[in-house]
Amino acid sequence: KEVTASVSNFVPKPHTPYQWNGMQSREYFLWVGEYLRRRKRNRFVTIKQHDIETSLLEGILTRGDRRIAPALYKAWQRGARFDGWRECFRPHLWHQTFADLGIDVEFYRSRSRPLTERLPWDHIQVKKGRAYLQKEQERSVLQLQVLAQAVAANSSPSCGG
C-alpha cells in the first residue's frame, strides 16, 4: 500500500494564537520540503508539499491591512482570476503588482509582531477574544522551547507539565 503525506506551509492567520508570528521564507519552505523528501525511508511514502508561492501570497493577504487593497484591485485589473487553482495562478503578476505599488511584502508576511501591537483585524470580535489568544501564543512559545531543548539534548520532551 502507498501512503501520501501532505505537508502545508505554515501561514499565521488572524484570530489564532499565531497571528503575531512571522511567516517563514521561500528558502525555508524549499529547504523543509527537500529535507522531508531526503529523510523519507520508505518507497511507498509520497510527500506532497503545498505550493510555496500560493502560501507566500496567502501570508501577505491574510496578514495585510487596508494598504493591501489597491494591490488586490490592481492584480485583478491585470488578470488575476481563480488564483486558488494552480493552473490559473500567476505569482509573477502578484510580485510585480506589489513592487509597482511600493508594498513591502516582508513587512506583512515575515515580520513578527509584538503582543501589544494593534492588529488590522482587532476590531472584529471573536468568541474567545484577544486575551485568550495571547495566553495560547505564550503557551505555544513555551512548548516550542521545551521541544527545542529536548531535541538539543537528544531526548524526548517531558509531557508531565
Foldseek 3Di string as FASTA:
>chain_A
DAEEAEAEQDAQAPPALCLQAAGDDPVVLVVVVVVVVVPDDDPRYHYHYDDSLVSLVVNQVRQDAPLCVVLVVVLVVVPQDPCVDVVRNDSVSSVVSCVVSVHDSCVRHGHRHDLPDDGRCQVDDDDVHSVVSNVVNVVVVVVVVQCVVCVVVVHGGDPPD
